[in-house]
Amino acid sequence: FRRVCFRLMLRFASPGYIAAGGFFVTFLRVIGKRFRRQGKDFPWFLYYVLWVYVLLFWAVVSCTASAVLDVMIPSGWLQPDNVAEFVRRNMALDNDTNSTDEWQKEDSLEDYPYLRTVSMSCPFFTVATYLVCLYHTVLHLRQLSWWKRGKPHEEHTFETHDRTLRILILPLFYGVMSCQGVVRMWGISVNNSADSHHFKSFGLRKQFLQDSYDASFWLGDLYESYALFTFGLIVLEYLSQRLRRGMLNAHDMIKTNTIPKPDSFTEMSDSFRVLLGQTKGLTILGIKLFCATCAGQAIYGVSLNCAAYYHFKESIFGTGCHTQQPGMLQTEKVRQMVHYLFYGAGFIASFAAIGNLVEVERGFRAHLHEFRPIWKFLGTKIIVTIAFLQSMALAACPPFCWWSYTRANLLYASLLCIECFLISMLHLYAWSADESWFSVYTPLTDERALNEG
């Protein structure tokens, strides 16, 4: 019974169920935001950030349980002799002994002891990332005035901390997705998964685990794009408040005759507001393009993965498990076409998103000194850079360029688990909970005074 429960837990940690959890958390966030804006009570235990950590804790436990029960125990903790015996026994049960040579050549970890050691450390780094992010989140939650509503300054501070919390979740979410990827590649290397009985051959099981691996990282990329979007909102809102304060200071000096009033002051203030709004729109537009590309990729990949697993519309989504031919969207030609389509679109969109933020940081550097944008920007966008450079290095640098798909992806996911932990540590410095810029706010009454002046 316990083993069945843990297997069901893995299914709930699959990309499809994680995406469903994301929709649930988004629903809670939207409802909570509307309640706060209307000045209504909203139970703190329904605060979406708390549920994010509950669901990610479930995902970490599920992933670890699957790693232990479906990989480590059957394979004797990845001991080569035990793995080889277990793989051959499963292939004999599937009447698929012809795949033994393919597995030995492409998927066996017998001659890669360092890769086995590095990958086995991933669950520990994932748990450590969870603890660091949880601790950092608690520090920010202490600054939130949950029960105080209605005052613009308090609502602004709450919203700023709330947006920051979404960024702090990034290394944890991406680390969990990377750990999921490690477990998927382990499943290929030992020819086993929580639902091995669901597949009739090693080839079908391997394809499903590869698709699950890709879907996990597509979800990670989606959240990375959302974190960049949130970071852009934080930067532009802070910049807006600082520049408004500068205009109000000039307005006050004119009212007290400290400086003469220029004839074009009102026109200049109006132009300033228009320019600031247009700058915000253009900056966010590039990031929205990146979000849309990642969302399309994640929706397509997760939907295809789930439909194939549950045998929905075999003629379209099927992998050939029950039919002789794969479905229309599972053919090699279509899979390659979709892969390069999203890869190219994501590459261009990520450059547009990051480039826009870099230009804003460079152009308004004098106004962003208190904000310390460099470390914050680095901690938010570094995952995109690391993932890209790491994939290029594994594809071009020997000996990794000669490794098989399974081995290269196992190393890629393992390194990202470690790097996500380091990024969570960087966030402790970059996003300190007691920084003064959280309270930089221009009251609405002062803004009206500026309009009247």
Foldseek 3Di string as FASTA:
>chain_A
DVLLVLLVLLVCLFLLNVVVLVVVLVVLCVVVVVCQVVVHDDDPCSNSLVSVLVSLVSNLVSLVSFCVPKFCVQQVLLAQVSLLVLQCVVCVVLVNNVCSVVLVVAQACNVPVVLSVLLVCLSVLLVLLSVLLVVQLVLQVVVQPNNDGDDVLNVLLNVLSVLVNLLLCLLNLLSSLLSLLLSLLSCLNSVTGSPSVLFSHSVVSNVLSVLSNVLSVLVSQLSLLVNLLSVLVSVLVLLVLLVLVVLLVVVVCCVVVVDPDDPCSLVVVVVVVVVSVVLSVQLSVLSVQLNVLSVVVNVVSSVLSVCQSVVPPQQANHPQRPHNDGHPCNDPVNVVVVVVVSVVSNVVSLCSNLVSVVVVCVVCVVSCVLLPVPLVSCLSCVVVVCLVVLVVCLCPPPPSVVHHPSSSSSSSSSVSSNVSSVSSVSCCVNVPSPRPSSSSGDDPVSVVVSNVD
